[in-house]
Amino acid sequence: MVHIANVKVRPRKVTTPVPCRSELVAMLGCWAATGDVLSTDPNRCKMVAETLFQCMRTAPVAGKPHKPAINYHLSKLSKKAK
């Protein structure tokens, strides 16, 4: 048996939950299995695409809300103009 002194173990990275993960996996699996990437055939991927669409419509937004960068850029322009 090998003895290793001073072994350091990193903690696992905290992963954020991904909304609609299972629906997206099902969609990609359907595309890979059938080749119906436009999801038009009702017998193949259309129902899976509808499920993913409904999930994405109702999924909560993770993280901070996105601020538009236009105000930042306008303030930079106004400082240069002076």
C-alpha atoms as a PDB file:
ATOM      1  CA  MET A   1       0.000   0.000   0.000  1.00  0.00           C
ATOM      2  CA  VAL A   2       1.317   3.427  -0.943  1.00  0.00           C
ATOM      3  CA  HIS A   3       1.271   6.225   1.615  1.00  0.00           C
ATOM      4  CA  ILE A   4       0.980   9.778   0.267  1.00  0.00           C
ATOM      5  CA  ALA A   5       1.620  12.606   2.695  1.00  0.00           C
ATOM      6  CA  ASN A   6      -0.249  15.918   2.561  1.00  0.00           C
ATOM      7  CA  VAL A   7      -2.893  15.030   0.009  1.00  0.00           C
ATOM      8  CA  LYS A   8      -5.075  17.998  -0.880  1.00  0.00           C
ATOM      9  CA  VAL A   9      -8.554  17.466  -2.238  1.00  0.00           C
ATOM     10  CA  ARG A  10     -10.412  20.217  -4.024  1.00  0.00           C
ATOM     11  CA  PRO A  11     -14.100  20.633  -3.270  1.00  0.00           C
ATOM     12  CA  ARG A  12     -16.522  19.976  -6.098  1.00  0.00           C
ATOM     13  CA  LYS A  13     -17.481  22.943  -8.201  1.00  0.00           C
ATOM     14  CA  VAL A  14     -20.914  24.267  -7.478  1.00  0.00           C
ATOM     15  CA  THR A  15     -23.032  23.803 -10.556  1.00  0.00           C
ATOM     16  CA  THR A  16     -26.057  25.915 -11.257  1.00  0.00           C
ATOM     17  CA  PRO A  17     -29.222  24.064 -12.144  1.00  0.00           C
ATOM     18  CA  VAL A  18     -30.001  24.174 -15.840  1.00  0.00           C
ATOM     19  CA  PRO A  19     -33.675  24.697 -16.607  1.00  0.00           C
ATOM     20  CA  CYS A  20     -35.160  22.393 -19.246  1.00  0.00           C
ATOM     21  CA  ARG A  21     -32.126  20.096 -19.235  1.00  0.00           C
ATOM     22  CA  SER A  22     -34.076  16.890 -19.774  1.00  0.00           C
ATOM     23  CA  GLU A  23     -36.186  18.438 -22.531  1.00  0.00           C
ATOM     24  CA  LEU A  24     -33.093  19.692 -24.348  1.00  0.00           C
ATOM     25  CA  VAL A  25     -31.416  16.286 -24.050  1.00  0.00           C
ATOM     26  CA  ALA A  26     -34.558  14.665 -25.458  1.00  0.00           C
ATOM     27  CA  MET A  27     -34.594  17.143 -28.355  1.00  0.00           C
ATOM     28  CA  LEU A  28     -30.943  16.549 -29.231  1.00  0.00           C
ATOM     29  CA  GLY A  29     -31.423  12.791 -28.918  1.00  0.00           C
ATOM     30  CA  CYS A  30     -34.428  12.898 -31.224  1.00  0.00           C
ATOM     31  CA  TRP A  31     -32.515  14.913 -33.786  1.00  0.00           C
ATOM     32  CA  ALA A  32     -29.568  12.523 -33.622  1.00  0.00           C
ATOM     33  CA  ALA A  33     -31.762   9.441 -33.900  1.00  0.00           C
ATOM     34  CA  THR A  34     -34.108  10.570 -36.661  1.00  0.00           C
ATOM     35  CA  GLY A  35     -32.388  13.382 -38.538  1.00  0.00           C
ATOM     36  CA  ASP A  36     -35.548  15.516 -38.261  1.00  0.00           C
ATOM     37  CA  VAL A  37     -33.647  18.680 -37.302  1.00  0.00           C
ATOM     38  CA  LEU A  38     -36.469  20.987 -38.394  1.00  0.00           C
ATOM     39  CA  SER A  39     -38.901  19.102 -36.118  1.00  0.00           C
ATOM     40  CA  THR A  40     -41.614  19.059 -38.760  1.00  0.00           C
ATOM     41  CA  ASP A  41     -42.577  15.376 -38.810  1.00  0.00           C
ATOM     42  CA  PRO A  42     -45.385  14.820 -36.256  1.00  0.00           C
ATOM     43  CA  ASN A  43     -44.337  11.201 -35.782  1.00  0.00           C
ATOM     44  CA  ARG A  44     -40.763  12.089 -34.889  1.00  0.00           C
ATOM     45  CA  CYS A  45     -39.564  15.253 -33.141  1.00  0.00           C
ATOM     46  CA  LYS A  46     -42.507  17.638 -33.249  1.00  0.00           C
ATOM     47  CA  MET A  47     -43.884  16.721 -29.824  1.00  0.00           C
ATOM     48  CA  VAL A  48     -40.421  16.831 -28.255  1.00  0.00           C
ATOM     49  CA  ALA A  49     -39.875  20.290 -29.753  1.00  0.00           C
ATOM     50  CA  GLU A  50     -43.223  21.490 -28.362  1.00  0.00           C
ATOM     51  CA  THR A  51     -42.305  20.215 -24.898  1.00  0.00           C
ATOM     52  CA  LEU A  52     -38.963  22.044 -25.019  1.00  0.00           C
ATOM     53  CA  PHE A  53     -40.658  25.216 -26.273  1.00  0.00           C
ATOM     54  CA  GLN A  54     -43.204  25.195 -23.436  1.00  0.00           C
ATOM     55  CA  CYS A  55     -40.497  24.555 -20.862  1.00  0.00           C
ATOM     56  CA  MET A  56     -38.377  27.438 -22.121  1.00  0.00           C
ATOM     57  CA  ARG A  57     -41.366  29.785 -22.060  1.00  0.00           C
ATOM     58  CA  THR A  58     -41.974  29.084 -18.376  1.00  0.00           C
ATOM     59  CA  ALA A  59     -38.417  28.512 -17.104  1.00  0.00           C
ATOM     60  CA  PRO A  60     -37.064  31.041 -14.611  1.00  0.00           C
ATOM     61  CA  VAL A  61     -34.110  33.136 -15.690  1.00  0.00           C
ATOM     62  CA  ALA A  62     -30.964  32.176 -13.808  1.00  0.00           C
ATOM     63  CA  GLY A  63     -28.474  34.709 -12.539  1.00  0.00           C
ATOM     64  CA  LYS A  64     -28.615  38.480 -12.606  1.00  0.00           C
ATOM     65  CA  PRO A  65     -30.793  40.206 -15.176  1.00  0.00           C
ATOM     66  CA  HIS A  66     -28.867  41.516 -18.158  1.00  0.00           C
ATOM     67  CA  LYS A  67     -28.302  45.266 -18.179  1.00  0.00           C
ATOM     68  CA  PRO A  68     -28.120  46.924 -21.573  1.00  0.00           C
ATOM     69  CA  ALA A  69     -24.626  48.225 -22.315  1.00  0.00           C
ATOM     70  CA  ILE A  70     -25.842  51.228 -24.291  1.00  0.00           C
ATOM     71  CA  ASN A  71     -25.733  53.555 -21.257  1.00  0.00           C
ATOM     72  CA  TYR A  72     -22.130  52.587 -20.588  1.00  0.00           C
ATOM     73  CA  HIS A  73     -21.130  53.289 -24.178  1.00  0.00           C
ATOM     74  CA  LEU A  74     -23.047  56.580 -24.292  1.00  0.00           C
ATOM     75  CA  SER A  75     -21.309  57.779 -21.141  1.00  0.00           C
ATOM     76  CA  LYS A  76     -17.924  56.954 -22.715  1.00  0.00           C
ATOM     77  CA  LEU A  77     -18.852  58.923 -25.852  1.00  0.00           C
ATOM     78  CA  SER A  78     -20.041  61.926 -23.876  1.00  0.00           C
ATOM     79  CA  LYS A  79     -16.774  62.017 -21.894  1.00  0.00           C
ATOM     80  CA  LYS A  80     -14.739  61.979 -25.120  1.00  0.00           C
ATOM     81  CA  ALA A  81     -16.840  64.767 -26.645  1.00  0.00           C
ATOM     82  CA  LYS A  82     -15.984  67.182 -23.818  1.00  0.00           C
END
